[in-house]
Amino acid sequence: MEYVLHRKSNCKKIKIRVVEGVVQVSAPFTVSKREIDRFVHEQEAWIENQLNKCALSKENDLISLLGNEYKLHYMNKRICYVEGNDLYLYPDKTLIQRFLKQNVKKYIDLRFKFFCEQLNIHDISLQYGFYKSKWGSCTPSKHKICFNVNLIFMPLEFVDAIILHELAHLYHLNHSKDFYSLLCTWMPNYKEIIKKYKKISIPNLY
C-alpha cells in the first residue's frame, strides 16, 4: 500500500492518518522502514475503510437525504435539485453545499420549533455549518445552537436525537450524569439511536 512517510523527532510511535484520500504515516527516526511497512500492512483494513469514506460518490450511487434514498446523477447544468427518486448535482462544492444547507435547514428548523414548543424553550437562534468532528454545539450564554449540515445524510430519528442533545446543553453544559438523565427523559431510546447510527459514513459529493 502506498503512503507518504514523515519522520519526526518528537514522534514516539508510528501513527497513520488518511487525509483527503492520502495515507500519511508519521514515525520516529529510530524505527526502520521494514517495521513501518509491517505496521501499515497490519492496519490495511482500517486504512481501506478510511479511504472508502474519502472516495468521491459516483454516478448512480444511492444517497440518503433526510431518510429518503435517491439515485445520484452529476450534470453540466449549474443547479442542484431532487426530482422523484433522483438527485441531480452540478459538481461544484459551493453549489452543492448551498443545496444541502437549504434542505437540511428546512427540516431542522421545523423540528427544532416543535421540540422547543413541547419543552417550553424560547429565544434560541440557529446556525448551520460543515464540521468534521461534531454534529452540533450549544452556547447557552449567547442563546445559540449550531448544527452540522451533514445531518442531512442521517436518519430522521438520529437528527431528532442531536436536536434534543443540543437543547439539553441549555441546562447542563457538560456530558454529566444529570445531562444524560434529562436527555433520556426527553428521548428514552437516545443512547440506542446514537449507537445504532454512529458508524454511518457521510458521502463525499464534491
Protein backbone atom coordinates (compact mmCIF):
# COMPACT_ATOMS: atom_id res chain seq x y z
CA MET A 1 0.00 0.00 0.00
CA GLU A 2 1.33 3.43 -0.96
CA TYR A 3 1.75 6.04 1.75
CA VAL A 4 3.54 9.31 2.50
CA LEU A 5 6.12 8.95 5.27
CA HIS A 6 7.00 11.76 7.67
CA ARG A 7 9.94 11.25 10.01
CA LYS A 8 9.55 13.28 13.20
CA SER A 9 11.91 13.71 16.13
CA ASN A 10 9.05 14.34 18.56
CA CYS A 11 7.11 11.27 17.40
CA LYS A 12 7.21 8.38 19.90
CA LYS A 13 5.36 5.76 17.86
CA ILE A 14 4.07 5.07 14.35
CA LYS A 15 0.86 6.92 13.54
CA ILE A 16 -1.38 6.69 10.47
CA ARG A 17 -3.80 9.29 9.15
CA VAL A 18 -5.89 9.42 5.99
CA VAL A 19 -6.25 13.00 4.78
CA GLU A 20 -8.25 13.70 1.62
CA GLY A 21 -7.58 10.23 0.27
CA VAL A 22 -3.86 10.24 1.07
CA VAL A 23 -2.38 7.79 3.60
CA GLN A 24 0.07 9.69 5.80
CA VAL A 25 2.41 7.90 8.21
CA SER A 26 4.39 9.59 10.96
CA ALA A 27 7.24 7.66 12.59
CA PRO A 28 10.31 8.22 14.80
CA PHE A 29 13.73 8.27 13.13
CA THR A 30 14.65 5.18 15.16
CA VAL A 31 12.03 2.94 13.51
CA SER A 32 13.13 1.07 10.39
CA LYS A 33 11.29 1.21 7.07
CA ARG A 34 10.60 -2.52 7.36
CA GLU A 35 8.86 -2.01 10.71
CA ILE A 36 6.79 0.82 9.25
CA ASP A 37 5.76 -1.30 6.25
CA ARG A 38 4.73 -4.12 8.56
CA PHE A 39 2.68 -1.76 10.75
CA VAL A 40 0.93 -0.27 7.71
CA HIS A 41 0.16 -3.77 6.41
CA GLU A 42 -1.39 -4.71 9.77
CA GLN A 43 -3.64 -1.64 9.59
CA GLU A 44 -4.76 -2.17 5.99
CA ALA A 45 -8.38 -2.96 6.88
CA TRP A 46 -8.72 0.26 8.87
CA ILE A 47 -6.95 2.26 6.14
CA GLU A 48 -9.22 0.86 3.42
CA ASN A 49 -12.24 1.81 5.49
CA GLN A 50 -10.95 5.38 5.83
CA LEU A 51 -10.17 5.58 2.11
CA ASN A 52 -13.68 4.42 1.26
CA LYS A 53 -15.04 7.29 3.34
CA CYS A 54 -12.95 9.71 1.26
CA ALA A 55 -13.91 8.22 -2.09
CA LEU A 56 -15.95 10.54 -4.28
CA SER A 57 -19.53 9.42 -4.81
CA LYS A 58 -20.20 8.03 -8.29
CA GLU A 59 -22.97 8.23 -10.87
CA ASN A 60 -25.97 6.11 -9.81
CA ASP A 61 -24.80 5.77 -6.20
CA LEU A 62 -27.68 5.74 -3.73
CA ILE A 63 -27.59 8.81 -1.47
CA SER A 64 -29.78 9.13 1.61
CA LEU A 65 -31.18 12.61 2.31
CA LEU A 66 -33.38 13.09 5.38
CA GLY A 67 -34.41 9.46 5.43
CA ASN A 68 -35.14 9.11 1.70
CA GLU A 69 -32.88 7.39 -0.86
CA TYR A 70 -32.03 8.98 -4.19
CA LYS A 71 -30.01 7.86 -7.20
CA LEU A 72 -27.16 10.29 -7.80
CA HIS A 73 -26.55 11.99 -11.13
CA TYR A 74 -23.90 14.59 -11.93
CA MET A 75 -24.79 17.02 -14.72
CA ASN A 76 -23.48 20.04 -16.62
CA LYS A 77 -26.28 22.46 -15.70
CA ARG A 78 -25.36 24.74 -12.78
CA ILE A 79 -28.15 23.65 -10.47
CA CYS A 80 -28.79 21.04 -7.76
CA TYR A 81 -32.21 19.52 -7.20
CA VAL A 82 -34.26 16.43 -6.43
CA GLU A 83 -36.81 15.04 -8.85
CA GLY A 84 -38.73 11.92 -7.90
CA ASN A 85 -36.17 9.38 -6.69
CA ASP A 86 -33.24 11.09 -8.41
CA LEU A 87 -30.69 13.57 -7.06
CA TYR A 88 -29.13 15.89 -9.66
CA LEU A 89 -25.96 17.76 -8.73
CA TYR A 90 -23.66 20.11 -10.56
CA PRO A 91 -20.11 19.15 -9.44
CA ASP A 92 -19.30 22.40 -7.67
CA LYS A 93 -18.56 22.48 -3.93
CA THR A 94 -20.23 25.84 -3.28
CA LEU A 95 -23.43 24.93 -5.12
CA ILE A 96 -23.71 21.50 -3.51
CA GLN A 97 -23.08 22.86 -0.02
CA ARG A 98 -25.73 25.55 -0.56
CA PHE A 99 -28.23 22.93 -1.72
CA LEU A 100 -27.54 20.69 1.29
CA LYS A 101 -27.74 23.59 3.75
CA GLN A 102 -31.02 24.90 2.35
CA ASN A 103 -32.67 21.49 2.57
CA VAL A 104 -31.43 20.40 5.99
CA LYS A 105 -32.32 23.84 7.39
CA LYS A 106 -35.94 23.46 6.30
CA TYR A 107 -36.27 20.20 8.20
CA ILE A 108 -34.28 21.05 11.32
CA ASP A 109 -35.93 24.47 11.69
CA LEU A 110 -39.35 22.79 11.84
CA ARG A 111 -38.29 20.00 14.20
CA PHE A 112 -36.43 22.48 16.43
CA LYS A 113 -39.54 24.67 16.69
CA PHE A 114 -41.64 21.60 17.54
CA PHE A 115 -39.32 20.46 20.36
CA CYS A 116 -38.96 23.99 21.74
CA GLU A 117 -42.74 24.31 21.94
CA GLN A 118 -43.01 20.94 23.68
CA LEU A 119 -40.23 21.81 26.17
CA ASN A 120 -41.22 25.46 26.65
CA ILE A 121 -37.86 26.75 25.38
CA HIS A 122 -37.71 30.19 23.78
CA ASP A 123 -35.41 32.66 22.01
CA ILE A 124 -32.72 30.31 20.70
CA SER A 125 -31.06 31.22 17.41
CA LEU A 126 -29.82 28.56 14.97
CA GLN A 127 -26.75 28.45 12.77
CA TYR A 128 -25.56 25.84 10.28
CA GLY A 129 -22.08 24.82 9.16
CA PHE A 130 -19.95 21.94 7.91
CA TYR A 131 -18.00 20.30 10.74
CA LYS A 132 -15.73 17.27 10.73
CA SER A 133 -15.92 16.15 14.34
CA LYS A 134 -19.25 17.28 15.79
CA TRP A 135 -22.93 17.13 14.95
CA GLY A 136 -23.76 20.30 16.79
CA SER A 137 -22.82 22.75 19.52
CA CYS A 138 -24.65 24.86 22.07
CA THR A 139 -23.66 28.23 23.55
CA PRO A 140 -26.23 28.97 26.30
CA SER A 141 -24.73 32.37 27.13
CA LYS A 142 -25.44 33.52 23.58
CA HIS A 143 -28.73 31.60 23.23
CA LYS A 144 -27.27 29.94 20.15
CA ILE A 145 -27.17 26.39 18.78
CA CYS A 146 -25.21 25.27 15.70
CA PHE A 147 -25.96 22.17 13.63
CA ASN A 148 -23.82 20.26 11.18
CA VAL A 149 -25.28 20.38 7.66
CA ASN A 150 -24.14 16.76 7.20
CA LEU A 151 -27.07 15.74 9.39
CA ILE A 152 -28.97 15.74 6.09
CA PHE A 153 -27.39 12.33 5.36
CA MET A 154 -28.55 10.78 8.64
CA PRO A 155 -31.82 9.01 9.55
CA LEU A 156 -34.53 11.31 10.91
CA GLU A 157 -34.55 9.79 14.40
CA PHE A 158 -30.82 10.47 14.64
CA VAL A 159 -31.39 14.11 13.66
CA ASP A 160 -34.05 14.41 16.37
CA ALA A 161 -31.63 12.91 18.88
CA ILE A 162 -28.99 15.52 18.03
CA ILE A 163 -31.51 18.37 18.29
CA LEU A 164 -32.51 17.21 21.77
CA HIS A 165 -28.84 16.67 22.69
CA GLU A 166 -28.05 20.32 21.99
CA LEU A 167 -31.21 21.54 23.74
CA ALA A 168 -30.19 19.59 26.85
CA HIS A 169 -26.96 21.60 26.92
CA LEU A 170 -29.05 24.67 27.74
CA TYR A 171 -29.46 23.11 31.18
CA HIS A 172 -26.20 21.16 31.57
CA LEU A 173 -23.03 22.39 29.86
CA ASN A 174 -21.07 19.12 30.11
CA HIS A 175 -21.94 15.49 29.48
CA SER A 176 -22.67 14.73 33.11
CA LYS A 177 -24.98 12.16 34.60
CA ASP A 178 -27.60 14.88 35.01
CA PHE A 179 -27.25 15.81 31.34
CA TYR A 180 -27.98 12.27 30.16
CA SER A 181 -30.71 11.86 32.74
CA LEU A 182 -32.53 14.89 31.31
CA LEU A 183 -31.90 13.86 27.72
CA CYS A 184 -33.17 10.34 28.28
CA THR A 185 -36.26 11.76 29.94
CA TRP A 186 -36.99 13.57 26.70
CA MET A 187 -35.94 10.66 24.48
CA PRO A 188 -35.74 7.33 26.37
CA ASN A 189 -34.06 5.49 23.47
CA TYR A 190 -31.47 8.23 22.85
CA LYS A 191 -28.42 6.05 23.56
CA GLU A 192 -29.70 3.22 21.37
CA ILE A 193 -30.26 5.60 18.45
CA ILE A 194 -26.78 7.12 18.72
CA LYS A 195 -25.16 3.68 18.94
CA LYS A 196 -27.21 2.35 16.02
CA TYR A 197 -26.20 5.06 13.56
CA LYS A 198 -22.85 6.38 14.77
CA LYS A 199 -20.86 4.42 12.16
CA ILE A 200 -22.79 5.65 9.13
CA SER A 201 -20.41 7.16 6.57
CA ILE A 202 -21.04 10.60 5.14
CA PRO A 203 -20.97 10.51 1.31
CA ASN A 204 -18.35 12.61 -0.42
CA LEU A 205 -20.30 14.53 -3.06
CA TYR A 206 -17.65 17.09 -4.03
